[in-house]
Amino acid sequence: GHIMSDAVLTITPLGGLGEIGLNSTLFRTAQGTVLIDCGLMFPEDYHLGVDIIIPRFDHLLDNQTDFRGIVLTHGHEDHIGALPWLVPHLIRPKIYGSRFTLALVENKLKEHNLHDQVQLITMEPGGSVELAGINFHFFPVSHSIIQGFALGLETPAGRMLHSGDFKIDPAAAVPGWSTDLESFRQFAEPGLKLLMADSTNVERPG
C-alpha cells in the first residue's frame, strides 16, 4: 500500500463541517487510525422519508486493520448517535469517553443488542491515552450536557487542540467540571499546529 511518512497526519472529516450534526473525524498516522466522535444528524424537511442521517464510513471500513479506537468528546446525539450503525462493522472497537458519555453509549448500544461488541474505556479529566501514535489528553469542558471533554493531541505532525463542544461561562459549569482554559494554555505553550474549534452561532449578528 501507500507508504506514509512518520511525521504525517491525515485528518478526514466524515461529517460535522459546515453543518450542525454528523460530527465525526478520522485521524490517520503511519501507526493507524482513530475516529473522534461518531454522530448523526436529524433531517431537514426536504429529506422526505429520512429518519436520520449518518456519516459515510466507507473510508474507515476499507482500512479496518489499522483501526485503533473511537474517542468521544461528549454524549450528544450529534456526537454518539451513529455508533449503532458503525459498531456492527468493527471488531470489538475500543471506545473512550467520560463515565457519563459511556453510560449513554452503553444504553444506546443495548437497544441494538450491541453492548457486548465494544470495549468501553472510561477517561478521567487530566487523563491521557496513546492511540495510533497520537497521545490524547482529556481536558474537562462545560457544555449543556455533563462530563464533556476537549482533546489535546500530541501527534507526529505537532500539537493540536480539538475543543469539543464547550461553554466558557463559569456560571454554566457543573462544580469540578468547568472548561479548563488553563490546561488549554499549558498544552498549547510549546506551540500549537492546529486548533479545531466550533462556535454554533458565530455567524449570527450579536
C-alpha atoms as a PDB file:
ATOM      1  CA  GLY A   1       0.000   0.000   0.000  1.00  0.00           C
ATOM      2  CA  HIS A   2       0.729   3.650   0.322  1.00  0.00           C
ATOM      3  CA  ILE A   3       3.788   4.401   2.476  1.00  0.00           C
ATOM      4  CA  MET A   4       3.166   7.159   4.972  1.00  0.00           C
ATOM      5  CA  SER A   5       5.937   9.257   6.499  1.00  0.00           C
ATOM      6  CA  ASP A   6       6.163   9.013  10.283  1.00  0.00           C
ATOM      7  CA  ALA A   7       5.625  12.767  10.582  1.00  0.00           C
ATOM      8  CA  VAL A   8       2.423  12.833   8.531  1.00  0.00           C
ATOM      9  CA  LEU A   9      -1.080  13.089   9.935  1.00  0.00           C
ATOM     10  CA  THR A  10      -4.175  12.949   7.740  1.00  0.00           C
ATOM     11  CA  ILE A  11      -7.427  14.422   9.077  1.00  0.00           C
ATOM     12  CA  THR A  12     -10.591  13.382   7.224  1.00  0.00           C
ATOM     13  CA  PRO A  13     -13.881  14.946   8.343  1.00  0.00           C
ATOM     14  CA  LEU A  14     -16.650  12.411   7.665  1.00  0.00           C
ATOM     15  CA  GLY A  15     -19.231  14.978   8.803  1.00  0.00           C
ATOM     16  CA  GLY A  16     -19.816  17.974  11.031  1.00  0.00           C
ATOM     17  CA  LEU A  17     -18.050  20.650   8.994  1.00  0.00           C
ATOM     18  CA  GLY A  18     -20.335  23.472   7.885  1.00  0.00           C
ATOM     19  CA  GLU A  19     -23.356  21.650   9.309  1.00  0.00           C
ATOM     20  CA  ILE A  20     -24.853  21.039  12.738  1.00  0.00           C
ATOM     21  CA  GLY A  21     -24.732  17.322  13.430  1.00  0.00           C
ATOM     22  CA  LEU A  22     -22.872  14.350  11.976  1.00  0.00           C
ATOM     23  CA  ASN A  23     -19.683  15.141  13.932  1.00  0.00           C
ATOM     24  CA  SER A  24     -17.123  12.520  13.010  1.00  0.00           C
ATOM     25  CA  THR A  25     -13.459  12.966  12.119  1.00  0.00           C
ATOM     26  CA  LEU A  26     -10.852  10.365  11.188  1.00  0.00           C
ATOM     27  CA  PHE A  27      -7.216  10.854  12.235  1.00  0.00           C
ATOM     28  CA  ARG A  28      -4.661   8.686  10.415  1.00  0.00           C
ATOM     29  CA  THR A  29      -0.950   8.302  11.102  1.00  0.00           C
ATOM     30  CA  ALA A  30       1.575   5.725   9.920  1.00  0.00           C
ATOM     31  CA  GLN A  31       0.594   3.735  13.047  1.00  0.00           C
ATOM     32  CA  GLY A  32      -3.148   3.565  12.494  1.00  0.00           C
ATOM     33  CA  THR A  33      -6.443   5.462  12.530  1.00  0.00           C
ATOM     34  CA  VAL A  34      -8.652   6.858  15.293  1.00  0.00           C
ATOM     35  CA  LEU A  35     -12.181   8.234  15.000  1.00  0.00           C
ATOM     36  CA  ILE A  36     -13.096  11.290  17.077  1.00  0.00           C
ATOM     37  CA  ASP A  37     -16.870  11.282  17.664  1.00  0.00           C
ATOM     38  CA  CYS A  38     -19.469   9.318  15.729  1.00  0.00           C
ATOM     39  CA  GLY A  39     -22.558  11.454  15.371  1.00  0.00           C
ATOM     40  CA  LEU A  40     -25.781  11.524  13.430  1.00  0.00           C
ATOM     41  CA  MET A  41     -27.842  14.369  12.058  1.00  0.00           C
ATOM     42  CA  PHE A  42     -31.582  14.853  12.159  1.00  0.00           C
ATOM     43  CA  PRO A  43     -33.072  15.528   8.719  1.00  0.00           C
ATOM     44  CA  GLU A  44     -34.398  18.796   7.366  1.00  0.00           C
ATOM     45  CA  ASP A  45     -37.917  18.947   5.926  1.00  0.00           C
ATOM     46  CA  TYR A  46     -36.617  18.338   2.401  1.00  0.00           C
ATOM     47  CA  HIS A  47     -35.157  14.923   3.392  1.00  0.00           C
ATOM     48  CA  LEU A  48     -38.535  13.282   2.826  1.00  0.00           C
ATOM     49  CA  GLY A  49     -38.912   9.847   4.424  1.00  0.00           C
ATOM     50  CA  VAL A  50     -35.447  10.029   6.042  1.00  0.00           C
ATOM     51  CA  ASP A  51     -35.387   9.485   9.819  1.00  0.00           C
ATOM     52  CA  ILE A  52     -31.705  10.097  10.499  1.00  0.00           C
ATOM     53  CA  ILE A  53     -28.542  10.831   8.563  1.00  0.00           C
ATOM     54  CA  ILE A  54     -25.242   9.132   9.415  1.00  0.00           C
ATOM     55  CA  PRO A  55     -21.724   9.755   8.079  1.00  0.00           C
ATOM     56  CA  ARG A  56     -20.272   7.666   5.248  1.00  0.00           C
ATOM     57  CA  PHE A  57     -17.884   5.280   6.954  1.00  0.00           C
ATOM     58  CA  ASP A  58     -16.542   3.590   3.791  1.00  0.00           C
ATOM     59  CA  HIS A  59     -13.176   5.289   4.228  1.00  0.00           C
ATOM     60  CA  LEU A  60     -12.822   3.819   7.717  1.00  0.00           C
ATOM     61  CA  LEU A  61     -14.222   0.381   6.915  1.00  0.00           C
ATOM     62  CA  ASP A  62     -11.955  -0.075   3.875  1.00  0.00           C
ATOM     63  CA  ASN A  63      -8.932   0.224   6.179  1.00  0.00           C
ATOM     64  CA  GLN A  64     -10.054  -1.593   9.290  1.00  0.00           C
ATOM     65  CA  THR A  65      -6.885  -3.483  10.108  1.00  0.00           C
ATOM     66  CA  ASP A  66      -5.184  -0.368  11.452  1.00  0.00           C
ATOM     67  CA  PHE A  67      -8.245   0.986  13.309  1.00  0.00           C
ATOM     68  CA  ARG A  68      -7.306   1.774  16.936  1.00  0.00           C
ATOM     69  CA  GLY A  69     -10.487   3.113  18.506  1.00  0.00           C
ATOM     70  CA  ILE A  70     -13.147   5.790  18.900  1.00  0.00           C
ATOM     71  CA  VAL A  71     -12.652   8.815  21.147  1.00  0.00           C
ATOM     72  CA  LEU A  72     -15.828  10.630  22.231  1.00  0.00           C
ATOM     73  CA  THR A  73     -15.921  14.260  23.360  1.00  0.00           C
ATOM     74  CA  HIS A  74     -19.440  14.165  24.892  1.00  0.00           C
ATOM     75  CA  GLY A  75     -22.760  12.367  24.836  1.00  0.00           C
ATOM     76  CA  HIS A  76     -24.965  14.394  22.484  1.00  0.00           C
ATOM     77  CA  GLU A  77     -26.622  12.551  19.596  1.00  0.00           C
ATOM     78  CA  ASP A  78     -24.675  14.529  17.011  1.00  0.00           C
ATOM     79  CA  HIS A  79     -21.505  13.032  18.551  1.00  0.00           C
ATOM     80  CA  ILE A  80     -22.502   9.449  19.516  1.00  0.00           C
ATOM     81  CA  GLY A  81     -25.728   8.717  17.606  1.00  0.00           C
ATOM     82  CA  ALA A  82     -24.195   6.841  14.650  1.00  0.00           C
ATOM     83  CA  LEU A  83     -22.418   4.247  16.824  1.00  0.00           C
ATOM     84  CA  PRO A  84     -25.156   1.575  16.408  1.00  0.00           C
ATOM     85  CA  TRP A  85     -24.620   1.749  12.633  1.00  0.00           C
ATOM     86  CA  LEU A  86     -20.819   1.615  12.796  1.00  0.00           C
ATOM     87  CA  VAL A  87     -20.160  -0.880  15.627  1.00  0.00           C
ATOM     88  CA  PRO A  88     -21.530  -3.999  13.797  1.00  0.00           C
ATOM     89  CA  HIS A  89     -18.866  -3.496  11.101  1.00  0.00           C
ATOM     90  CA  LEU A  90     -15.958  -3.252  13.560  1.00  0.00           C
ATOM     91  CA  ILE A  91     -14.130  -5.908  15.566  1.00  0.00           C
ATOM     92  CA  ARG A  92     -14.741  -5.118  19.277  1.00  0.00           C
ATOM     93  CA  PRO A  93     -13.696  -1.491  18.995  1.00  0.00           C
ATOM     94  CA  LYS A  94     -12.337   0.381  21.991  1.00  0.00           C
ATOM     95  CA  ILE A  95     -14.466   3.440  22.806  1.00  0.00           C
ATOM     96  CA  TYR A  96     -13.016   6.137  25.084  1.00  0.00           C
ATOM     97  CA  GLY A  97     -15.013   8.811  26.899  1.00  0.00           C
ATOM     98  CA  SER A  98     -16.182  10.114  30.273  1.00  0.00           C
ATOM     99  CA  ARG A  99     -18.212   7.888  32.592  1.00  0.00           C
ATOM    100  CA  PHE A 100     -21.454   9.693  31.729  1.00  0.00           C
ATOM    101  CA  THR A 101     -20.815   9.683  27.957  1.00  0.00           C
ATOM    102  CA  LEU A 102     -20.081   5.945  28.037  1.00  0.00           C
ATOM    103  CA  ALA A 103     -23.223   5.274  30.111  1.00  0.00           C
ATOM    104  CA  LEU A 104     -25.253   6.912  27.326  1.00  0.00           C
ATOM    105  CA  VAL A 105     -23.340   4.885  24.717  1.00  0.00           C
ATOM    106  CA  GLU A 106     -23.916   1.621  26.579  1.00  0.00           C
ATOM    107  CA  ASN A 107     -27.637   2.362  26.866  1.00  0.00           C
ATOM    108  CA  LYS A 108     -27.836   3.167  23.156  1.00  0.00           C
ATOM    109  CA  LEU A 109     -25.941   0.016  22.146  1.00  0.00           C
ATOM    110  CA  LYS A 110     -28.121  -2.137  24.451  1.00  0.00           C
ATOM    111  CA  GLU A 111     -31.178  -1.071  22.437  1.00  0.00           C
ATOM    112  CA  HIS A 112     -29.482  -2.605  19.387  1.00  0.00           C
ATOM    113  CA  ASN A 113     -28.019  -5.615  21.275  1.00  0.00           C
ATOM    114  CA  LEU A 114     -24.514  -4.381  20.537  1.00  0.00           C
ATOM    115  CA  HIS A 115     -23.206  -3.585  24.041  1.00  0.00           C
ATOM    116  CA  ASP A 116     -21.164  -6.842  24.147  1.00  0.00           C
ATOM    117  CA  GLN A 117     -19.404  -5.945  20.899  1.00  0.00           C
ATOM    118  CA  VAL A 118     -17.402  -2.983  22.218  1.00  0.00           C
ATOM    119  CA  GLN A 119     -14.811  -2.212  24.898  1.00  0.00           C
ATOM    120  CA  LEU A 120     -15.812   0.916  26.843  1.00  0.00           C
ATOM    121  CA  ILE A 121     -12.854   2.675  28.463  1.00  0.00           C
ATOM    122  CA  THR A 122     -13.563   5.460  30.978  1.00  0.00           C
ATOM    123  CA  MET A 123     -11.306   8.513  30.858  1.00  0.00           C
ATOM    124  CA  GLU A 124     -10.979  10.999  33.715  1.00  0.00           C
ATOM    125  CA  PRO A 125     -10.225  14.732  33.375  1.00  0.00           C
ATOM    126  CA  GLY A 126      -6.473  15.128  33.010  1.00  0.00           C
ATOM    127  CA  GLY A 127      -6.106  11.554  31.770  1.00  0.00           C
ATOM    128  CA  SER A 128      -4.401  10.533  28.551  1.00  0.00           C
ATOM    129  CA  VAL A 129      -4.145   7.554  26.214  1.00  0.00           C
ATOM    130  CA  GLU A 130      -1.948   6.800  23.225  1.00  0.00           C
ATOM    131  CA  LEU A 131      -3.647   5.518  20.070  1.00  0.00           C
ATOM    132  CA  ALA A 132      -2.066   5.251  16.608  1.00  0.00           C
ATOM    133  CA  GLY A 133       0.982   7.192  17.775  1.00  0.00           C
ATOM    134  CA  ILE A 134      -1.187  10.105  18.967  1.00  0.00           C
ATOM    135  CA  ASN A 135      -1.256  10.974  22.647  1.00  0.00           C
ATOM    136  CA  PHE A 136      -4.803  12.096  23.529  1.00  0.00           C
ATOM    137  CA  HIS A 137      -5.147  14.360  26.587  1.00  0.00           C
ATOM    138  CA  PHE A 138      -8.639  14.744  28.063  1.00  0.00           C
ATOM    139  CA  PHE A 139      -9.454  18.263  29.311  1.00  0.00           C
ATOM    140  CA  PRO A 140     -12.788  18.888  31.066  1.00  0.00           C
ATOM    141  CA  VAL A 141     -15.178  21.357  29.420  1.00  0.00           C
ATOM    142  CA  SER A 142     -18.630  22.511  30.467  1.00  0.00           C
ATOM    143  CA  HIS A 143     -21.463  22.254  27.963  1.00  0.00           C
ATOM    144  CA  SER A 144     -25.245  21.756  28.010  1.00  0.00           C
ATOM    145  CA  ILE A 145     -24.540  18.087  28.790  1.00  0.00           C
ATOM    146  CA  ILE A 146     -22.301  16.970  31.653  1.00  0.00           C
ATOM    147  CA  GLN A 147     -18.801  15.465  31.526  1.00  0.00           C
ATOM    148  CA  GLY A 148     -17.646  16.782  28.166  1.00  0.00           C
ATOM    149  CA  PHE A 149     -14.022  16.779  27.061  1.00  0.00           C
ATOM    150  CA  ALA A 150     -11.778  18.838  24.849  1.00  0.00           C
ATOM    151  CA  LEU A 151      -8.828  16.905  23.445  1.00  0.00           C
ATOM    152  CA  GLY A 152      -5.191  17.875  23.342  1.00  0.00           C
ATOM    153  CA  LEU A 153      -3.486  15.790  20.656  1.00  0.00           C
ATOM    154  CA  GLU A 154       0.249  15.233  20.567  1.00  0.00           C
ATOM    155  CA  THR A 155       0.623  13.931  17.016  1.00  0.00           C
ATOM    156  CA  PRO A 156       3.668  13.020  14.891  1.00  0.00           C
ATOM    157  CA  ALA A 157       2.947  16.256  12.963  1.00  0.00           C
ATOM    158  CA  GLY A 158       2.741  18.508  16.040  1.00  0.00           C
ATOM    159  CA  ARG A 159       0.303  19.552  18.770  1.00  0.00           C
ATOM    160  CA  MET A 160      -3.376  20.099  18.071  1.00  0.00           C
ATOM    161  CA  LEU A 161      -6.366  21.061  20.172  1.00  0.00           C
ATOM    162  CA  HIS A 162      -9.867  19.734  19.460  1.00  0.00           C
ATOM    163  CA  SER A 163     -12.230  21.853  21.550  1.00  0.00           C
ATOM    164  CA  GLY A 164     -15.234  19.526  21.560  1.00  0.00           C
ATOM    165  CA  ASP A 165     -18.446  21.432  22.338  1.00  0.00           C
ATOM    166  CA  PHE A 166     -17.881  23.852  25.200  1.00  0.00           C
ATOM    167  CA  LYS A 167     -19.078  26.890  27.130  1.00  0.00           C
ATOM    168  CA  ILE A 168     -16.680  29.341  28.761  1.00  0.00           C
ATOM    169  CA  ASP A 169     -19.270  30.845  31.155  1.00  0.00           C
ATOM    170  CA  PRO A 170     -18.186  29.696  34.664  1.00  0.00           C
ATOM    171  CA  ALA A 171     -21.803  30.059  35.846  1.00  0.00           C
ATOM    172  CA  ALA A 172     -22.842  27.324  33.399  1.00  0.00           C
ATOM    173  CA  ALA A 173     -20.356  24.839  34.830  1.00  0.00           C
ATOM    174  CA  VAL A 174     -21.028  21.794  36.967  1.00  0.00           C
ATOM    175  CA  PRO A 175     -18.757  22.153  40.050  1.00  0.00           C
ATOM    176  CA  GLY A 176     -15.489  20.343  39.437  1.00  0.00           C
ATOM    177  CA  TRP A 177     -16.022  20.134  35.675  1.00  0.00           C
ATOM    178  CA  SER A 178     -15.669  23.638  34.269  1.00  0.00           C
ATOM    179  CA  THR A 179     -13.920  24.474  30.996  1.00  0.00           C
ATOM    180  CA  ASP A 180     -10.233  24.109  31.838  1.00  0.00           C
ATOM    181  CA  LEU A 181      -8.695  27.007  29.896  1.00  0.00           C
ATOM    182  CA  GLU A 182      -5.528  26.754  31.997  1.00  0.00           C
ATOM    183  CA  SER A 183      -4.916  23.222  30.683  1.00  0.00           C
ATOM    184  CA  PHE A 184      -5.536  24.509  27.142  1.00  0.00           C
ATOM    185  CA  ARG A 185      -2.923  27.214  27.727  1.00  0.00           C
ATOM    186  CA  GLN A 186      -0.317  24.852  29.183  1.00  0.00           C
ATOM    187  CA  PHE A 187      -0.850  22.325  26.421  1.00  0.00           C
ATOM    188  CA  ALA A 188      -0.539  24.998  23.715  1.00  0.00           C
ATOM    189  CA  GLU A 189       2.548  26.648  25.191  1.00  0.00           C
ATOM    190  CA  PRO A 190       5.151  24.571  23.275  1.00  0.00           C
ATOM    191  CA  GLY A 191       3.321  25.666  20.099  1.00  0.00           C
ATOM    192  CA  LEU A 192       0.061  24.546  18.519  1.00  0.00           C
ATOM    193  CA  LYS A 193      -0.122  23.494  14.865  1.00  0.00           C
ATOM    194  CA  LEU A 194      -3.910  23.354  14.655  1.00  0.00           C
ATOM    195  CA  LEU A 195      -6.980  24.391  16.626  1.00  0.00           C
ATOM    196  CA  MET A 196     -10.209  22.593  15.767  1.00  0.00           C
ATOM    197  CA  ALA A 197     -12.974  24.607  17.436  1.00  0.00           C
ATOM    198  CA  ASP A 198     -16.615  25.290  16.784  1.00  0.00           C
ATOM    199  CA  SER A 199     -18.966  28.164  17.524  1.00  0.00           C
ATOM    200  CA  THR A 200     -22.532  27.299  16.589  1.00  0.00           C
ATOM    201  CA  ASN A 201     -23.867  30.841  16.408  1.00  0.00           C
ATOM    202  CA  VAL A 202     -20.721  32.597  15.212  1.00  0.00           C
ATOM    203  CA  GLU A 203     -22.431  33.791  12.013  1.00  0.00           C
ATOM    204  CA  ARG A 204     -25.446  35.217  13.838  1.00  0.00           C
ATOM    205  CA  PRO A 205     -25.270  39.006  14.378  1.00  0.00           C
ATOM    206  CA  GLY A 206     -24.930  39.913  18.058  1.00  0.00           C
END
